[in-house]
């Protein structure tokens, strides 16, 4: 009869099992440190230097000079206001359209599966493709939007949607709204399907109207999903520059500048990495503060 190998002491097994999660997470943490936090530290250090790429040997430490210059730059304040407008309009519009789409897709109707698949198309398309497609839609000469509005007598002359400083930002916001609302639709639809139908049946028996059912059953049921999806989209929308860059490049003038685009233009096109890093660091601090306030308010609402 073969002898069994002696089993390690129970204390040693417990130590191994306690150490295992950290061992499994270590590679992900190392990759995150290298890919995310190392560039962040590099950007923070660079923001304290006068560092222009076409004269790298002249780089020198200037302390907070880039930040002083930034707060005296009118383009910064214009970009900051337009960033707030960009987030403040895009996010509620995406969430509202996503909620409406999810409520409709949650009902029983023919070809519902196909409709659910089609609604994800704007989210699945690459941002560059969407930006080029909407540039054609907005084109004042051959664009379908002007042609449709002229045929309906809503406008009397073609509108230069992307060439007018008064409407260019709103035109880009409409584009990003169309691209991003399927994310909310899918997330909210998943939450709706998790609400027991018995709650609606009980409310209907008690005589609750459709609005009261939506207010007291649907909204509380999807509130955590709305909070999580809203936080994610706030970060993504705030950092989104690809659609703006392809559609307008920040123009006309500075009318579609946001802070991430402003930092990108300074660092990439002007090669002023010191000033561009200062813009990026400032934007990160502002966005972090906004996210912290959003999380705090959301947690208070959820606890109620």
Protein backbone atom coordinates (compact mmCIF):
# COMPACT_ATOMS: atom_id res chain seq x y z
CA UNK A 1 0.00 0.00 0.00
CA UNK A 2 1.50 3.32 -1.15
CA UNK A 3 2.11 5.92 1.47
CA UNK A 4 0.42 9.30 0.97
CA UNK A 5 2.63 12.35 0.75
CA UNK A 6 2.47 14.42 3.90
CA UNK A 7 0.14 17.41 3.53
CA UNK A 8 1.56 20.85 4.36
CA UNK A 9 0.45 22.33 7.63
CA UNK A 10 -2.91 24.11 7.62
CA UNK A 11 -1.33 27.46 8.48
CA UNK A 12 0.95 27.26 5.44
CA UNK A 13 -2.01 26.43 3.17
CA UNK A 14 -3.91 29.42 4.52
CA UNK A 15 -0.94 31.70 3.84
CA UNK A 16 -0.70 30.40 0.28
CA UNK A 17 -4.43 30.89 -0.36
CA UNK A 18 -4.27 34.41 1.06
CA UNK A 19 -1.27 35.27 -1.12
CA UNK A 20 -2.77 33.82 -4.34
CA UNK A 21 -5.09 36.75 -5.23
CA UNK A 22 -2.23 39.23 -4.92
CA UNK A 23 0.00 37.05 -7.08
CA UNK A 24 -2.67 36.87 -9.78
CA UNK A 25 -3.27 40.62 -9.70
CA UNK A 26 0.41 41.58 -9.78
CA UNK A 27 0.87 41.38 -13.60
CA UNK A 28 -2.21 43.59 -14.18
CA UNK A 29 -1.01 46.10 -11.59
CA UNK A 30 2.47 46.24 -13.16
CA UNK A 31 1.02 46.78 -16.65
CA UNK A 32 -1.29 49.50 -15.33
CA UNK A 33 1.60 51.25 -13.60
CA UNK A 34 3.68 51.19 -16.78
CA UNK A 35 0.95 52.14 -19.25
CA UNK A 36 -1.17 54.55 -17.17
CA UNK A 37 0.64 55.97 -14.17
CA UNK A 38 4.14 56.32 -15.66
CA UNK A 39 2.90 58.62 -18.48
CA UNK A 40 0.86 60.59 -15.92
CA UNK A 41 3.95 61.18 -13.80
CA UNK A 42 5.93 62.08 -16.92
CA UNK A 43 3.26 64.61 -17.95
CA UNK A 44 3.27 66.14 -14.47
CA UNK A 45 7.06 66.52 -14.52
CA UNK A 46 7.05 67.91 -18.07
CA UNK A 47 4.46 70.54 -17.11
CA UNK A 48 7.10 72.24 -14.94
CA UNK A 49 9.49 72.64 -17.89
CA UNK A 50 9.71 74.93 -20.89
CA UNK A 51 10.04 72.03 -23.29
CA UNK A 52 9.50 72.62 -27.00
CA UNK A 53 10.40 69.62 -29.14
CA UNK A 54 12.14 71.50 -31.96
CA UNK A 55 14.61 72.98 -29.42
CA UNK A 56 15.01 70.17 -26.87
CA UNK A 57 18.48 71.27 -25.78
CA UNK A 58 16.99 74.56 -24.54
CA UNK A 59 14.54 72.85 -22.18
CA UNK A 60 14.65 74.34 -18.70
CA UNK A 61 12.79 74.11 -15.42
CA UNK A 62 10.28 76.96 -15.07
CA UNK A 63 8.22 75.80 -12.08
CA UNK A 64 4.62 76.98 -12.25
CA UNK A 65 5.22 79.38 -15.15
CA UNK A 66 3.26 77.20 -17.58
CA UNK A 67 0.26 77.19 -15.22
CA UNK A 68 0.44 80.97 -14.76
CA UNK A 69 0.56 81.37 -18.52
CA UNK A 70 -2.34 78.95 -18.85
CA UNK A 71 -4.66 80.85 -16.50
CA UNK A 72 -3.87 84.08 -18.36
CA UNK A 73 -4.63 82.46 -21.71
CA UNK A 74 -8.11 83.39 -23.04
CA UNK A 75 -8.15 80.25 -25.17
CA UNK A 76 -7.96 78.18 -21.97
CA UNK A 77 -11.09 79.80 -20.54
CA UNK A 78 -12.89 79.44 -23.86
CA UNK A 79 -11.94 75.77 -23.99
CA UNK A 80 -12.96 75.26 -20.36
CA UNK A 81 -16.41 76.73 -20.95
CA UNK A 82 -16.88 74.71 -24.12
CA UNK A 83 -15.75 71.55 -22.31
CA UNK A 84 -18.43 72.14 -19.67
CA UNK A 85 -20.99 72.75 -22.45
CA UNK A 86 -19.75 69.67 -24.31
CA UNK A 87 -20.27 67.42 -21.28
CA UNK A 88 -23.36 69.18 -19.94
CA UNK A 89 -25.31 68.77 -23.18
CA UNK A 90 -23.95 65.52 -24.59
CA UNK A 91 -24.37 63.39 -21.47
CA UNK A 92 -28.05 64.22 -20.71
CA UNK A 93 -28.97 63.89 -24.39
CA UNK A 94 -27.28 60.49 -24.67
CA UNK A 95 -28.88 59.29 -21.44
CA UNK A 96 -32.36 60.53 -22.44
CA UNK A 97 -32.23 58.96 -25.90
CA UNK A 98 -30.79 55.76 -24.46
CA UNK A 99 -33.59 55.57 -21.88
CA UNK A 100 -36.28 56.07 -24.54
CA UNK A 101 -34.68 53.47 -26.82
CA UNK A 102 -34.36 50.97 -23.95
CA UNK A 103 -38.01 51.41 -22.93
CA UNK A 104 -39.13 50.82 -26.50
CA UNK A 105 -36.85 47.82 -27.02
CA UNK A 106 -38.08 46.29 -23.77
CA UNK A 107 -41.62 45.97 -25.17
CA UNK A 108 -42.90 42.99 -27.12
CA UNK A 109 -43.11 43.61 -30.88
CA UNK A 110 -42.24 41.90 -34.14
CA UNK A 111 -38.57 41.93 -35.18
CA UNK A 112 -37.49 43.07 -31.71
CA UNK A 113 -34.26 41.09 -31.97
CA UNK A 114 -33.31 42.84 -35.21
CA UNK A 115 -34.13 46.24 -33.71
CA UNK A 116 -31.90 45.50 -30.73
CA UNK A 117 -29.07 44.59 -33.06
CA UNK A 118 -29.51 47.67 -35.26
CA UNK A 119 -29.53 50.14 -32.38
CA UNK A 120 -25.94 49.23 -31.50
CA UNK A 121 -24.59 50.25 -34.94
CA UNK A 122 -23.68 53.85 -34.03
CA UNK A 123 -21.73 52.58 -31.00
CA UNK A 124 -19.98 49.89 -33.05
CA UNK A 125 -18.75 52.17 -35.84
CA UNK A 126 -15.27 53.72 -35.49
CA UNK A 127 -15.29 57.36 -34.42
CA UNK A 128 -13.40 58.47 -37.53
CA UNK A 129 -16.01 56.84 -39.79
CA UNK A 130 -18.81 58.55 -37.87
CA UNK A 131 -17.06 61.92 -38.02
CA UNK A 132 -16.52 61.66 -41.79
CA UNK A 133 -20.10 60.50 -42.34
CA UNK A 134 -21.55 63.42 -40.39
CA UNK A 135 -19.24 65.88 -42.13
CA UNK A 136 -20.93 64.81 -45.35
CA UNK A 137 -24.38 65.12 -43.75
CA UNK A 138 -23.56 68.66 -42.59
CA UNK A 139 -21.95 69.74 -45.89
CA UNK A 140 -23.61 73.01 -47.01
CA UNK A 141 -23.42 72.08 -50.69
CA UNK A 142 -24.18 68.37 -50.95
CA UNK A 143 -25.19 67.47 -47.40
CA UNK A 144 -28.47 65.65 -46.89
CA UNK A 145 -29.42 67.70 -43.79
CA UNK A 146 -29.58 71.04 -45.61
CA UNK A 147 -31.33 69.42 -48.55
CA UNK A 148 -34.02 67.95 -46.27
CA UNK A 149 -34.55 71.18 -44.33
CA UNK A 150 -34.78 73.20 -47.55
CA UNK A 151 -37.38 70.82 -48.99
CA UNK A 152 -39.43 71.14 -45.80
CA UNK A 153 -39.11 74.97 -45.90
CA UNK A 154 -37.60 74.99 -42.41
CA UNK A 155 -34.63 77.03 -43.65
CA UNK A 156 -34.37 79.44 -46.59
CA UNK A 157 -30.67 78.97 -47.34
CA UNK A 158 -28.07 76.30 -46.72
CA UNK A 159 -26.55 76.50 -43.23
CA UNK A 160 -22.76 76.06 -42.92
CA UNK A 161 -23.11 73.83 -39.87
CA UNK A 162 -19.40 73.20 -39.29
CA UNK A 163 -18.15 76.58 -40.58
CA UNK A 164 -20.29 78.79 -38.34
CA UNK A 165 -18.85 79.59 -34.89
CA UNK A 166 -22.38 79.82 -33.49
CA UNK A 167 -23.53 76.31 -34.40
CA UNK A 168 -20.38 74.23 -35.01
CA UNK A 169 -20.07 72.99 -31.42
CA UNK A 170 -23.75 72.03 -31.27
CA UNK A 171 -23.45 70.16 -34.56
CA UNK A 172 -20.57 68.10 -33.16
CA UNK A 173 -22.53 67.51 -29.94
CA UNK A 174 -25.40 66.12 -32.02
CA UNK A 175 -22.96 63.76 -33.72
CA UNK A 176 -21.53 62.46 -30.45
CA UNK A 177 -25.03 62.12 -29.02
CA UNK A 178 -25.99 59.88 -31.92
CA UNK A 179 -22.82 57.83 -31.48
CA UNK A 180 -23.10 57.37 -27.71
CA UNK A 181 -26.78 56.82 -26.94
CA UNK A 182 -26.66 53.06 -27.76
CA UNK A 183 -24.32 52.56 -24.80
CA UNK A 184 -27.02 53.83 -22.45
CA UNK A 185 -29.70 51.91 -24.36
CA UNK A 186 -27.93 48.58 -23.89
CA UNK A 187 -27.05 49.22 -20.23
CA UNK A 188 -30.55 50.40 -19.32
CA UNK A 189 -32.18 47.56 -21.26
CA UNK A 190 -30.20 45.07 -19.20
CA UNK A 191 -31.40 46.77 -16.04
CA UNK A 192 -35.03 46.80 -17.20
CA UNK A 193 -34.95 43.06 -17.81
CA UNK A 194 -33.79 42.55 -14.24
CA UNK A 195 -36.88 44.21 -12.74
CA UNK A 196 -39.47 41.53 -11.80
CA UNK A 197 -42.68 41.78 -13.83
CA UNK A 198 -44.64 40.96 -10.69
CA UNK A 199 -43.95 44.48 -9.40
CA UNK A 200 -45.65 46.01 -12.45
CA UNK A 201 -48.55 43.56 -12.18
CA UNK A 202 -49.07 44.43 -8.51
CA UNK A 203 -48.90 48.16 -9.28
CA UNK A 204 -51.43 47.79 -12.11
CA UNK A 205 -53.82 45.92 -9.79
CA UNK A 206 -53.50 48.79 -7.29
CA UNK A 207 -54.46 51.24 -10.06
CA UNK A 208 -51.05 52.86 -10.58
CA UNK A 209 -50.73 54.74 -13.85
CA UNK A 210 -47.93 54.12 -16.34
CA UNK A 211 -46.15 57.26 -15.13
CA UNK A 212 -46.32 56.18 -11.47
CA UNK A 213 -45.03 52.74 -12.40
CA UNK A 214 -42.14 54.35 -14.26
CA UNK A 215 -41.38 56.71 -11.38
CA UNK A 216 -41.66 54.28 -8.48
CA UNK A 217 -40.58 50.97 -10.06
CA UNK A 218 -38.57 51.56 -13.24
CA UNK A 219 -36.41 54.48 -12.15
CA UNK A 220 -35.39 52.99 -8.76
CA UNK A 221 -34.68 49.68 -10.52
CA UNK A 222 -32.28 51.21 -13.04
CA UNK A 223 -30.84 53.96 -10.79
CA UNK A 224 -27.55 52.09 -10.04
CA UNK A 225 -27.07 51.40 -13.76
CA UNK A 226 -27.75 55.03 -14.65
CA UNK A 227 -25.21 56.13 -12.05
CA UNK A 228 -22.49 53.78 -13.29
CA UNK A 229 -23.14 54.39 -16.99
CA UNK A 230 -23.32 58.14 -16.39
CA UNK A 231 -19.95 58.14 -14.64
CA UNK A 232 -18.28 56.14 -17.41
CA UNK A 233 -19.75 58.31 -20.16
CA UNK A 234 -18.77 61.51 -18.31
CA UNK A 235 -15.14 60.41 -18.41
CA UNK A 236 -15.32 59.19 -22.01
CA UNK A 237 -17.14 62.25 -23.33
CA UNK A 238 -14.80 64.61 -21.49
CA UNK A 239 -11.74 62.93 -23.05
CA UNK A 240 -13.24 62.53 -26.52
CA UNK A 241 -11.36 64.51 -29.16
CA UNK A 242 -11.38 62.25 -32.22
CA UNK A 243 -14.83 63.29 -33.48
CA UNK A 244 -14.09 67.00 -32.96
CA UNK A 245 -10.65 66.78 -34.54
CA UNK A 246 -11.87 65.00 -37.68
CA UNK A 247 -15.00 67.14 -38.11
CA UNK A 248 -13.67 70.63 -37.36
CA UNK A 249 -10.08 70.42 -36.10
CA UNK A 250 -11.19 72.75 -33.29
CA UNK A 251 -12.44 75.44 -35.67
CA UNK A 252 -13.76 77.68 -36.94
CA UNK A 253 -11.36 79.69 -34.83
CA UNK A 254 -11.53 78.21 -31.34
CA UNK A 255 -15.29 77.60 -31.39
CA UNK A 256 -15.05 73.81 -30.94
CA UNK A 257 -11.99 73.67 -28.71
CA UNK A 258 -12.19 71.53 -25.58
CA UNK A 259 -9.41 71.19 -23.03
CA UNK A 260 -8.20 67.75 -24.25
CA UNK A 261 -8.16 69.03 -27.84
CA UNK A 262 -6.35 72.20 -26.73
CA UNK A 263 -3.67 70.10 -25.02
CA UNK A 264 -3.39 67.82 -28.04
CA UNK A 265 -2.97 70.72 -30.47
CA UNK A 266 -0.32 72.40 -28.32
CA UNK A 267 1.69 69.20 -27.85
CA UNK A 268 1.25 67.61 -31.28
CA UNK A 269 1.01 70.50 -33.71
CA UNK A 270 2.94 73.22 -31.87
CA UNK A 271 5.35 70.68 -30.26
CA UNK A 272 5.12 72.64 -26.99
CA UNK A 273 5.10 69.66 -24.65
CA UNK A 274 5.59 71.72 -21.49
CA UNK A 275 2.53 73.91 -22.06
CA UNK A 276 0.50 71.01 -23.46
CA UNK A 277 1.30 68.92 -20.38
CA UNK A 278 0.22 71.80 -18.12
CA UNK A 279 -3.13 71.90 -19.91
CA UNK A 280 -3.50 68.12 -19.58
CA UNK A 281 -2.63 68.15 -15.86
CA UNK A 282 -5.08 70.99 -15.18
CA UNK A 283 -7.82 69.17 -17.07
CA UNK A 284 -7.11 65.94 -15.13
CA UNK A 285 -7.46 67.77 -11.81
CA UNK A 286 -10.73 69.43 -12.89
CA UNK A 287 -12.16 66.17 -14.23
CA UNK A 288 -11.10 64.32 -11.09
CA UNK A 289 -12.91 66.89 -8.95
CA UNK A 290 -16.05 66.60 -11.09
CA UNK A 291 -15.97 62.79 -10.88
CA UNK A 292 -15.47 62.92 -7.09
CA UNK A 293 -18.49 65.22 -6.67
CA UNK A 294 -20.54 63.01 -9.00
CA UNK A 295 -19.68 59.86 -7.04
CA UNK A 296 -20.45 61.54 -3.71
CA UNK A 297 -23.85 62.78 -4.87
CA UNK A 298 -24.68 59.45 -6.51
CA UNK A 299 -23.84 57.53 -3.35
CA UNK A 300 -26.10 59.81 -1.31
CA UNK A 301 -28.97 59.29 -3.81
CA UNK A 302 -28.51 55.52 -3.81
CA UNK A 303 -28.46 55.37 0.01
CA UNK A 304 -31.82 57.14 0.10
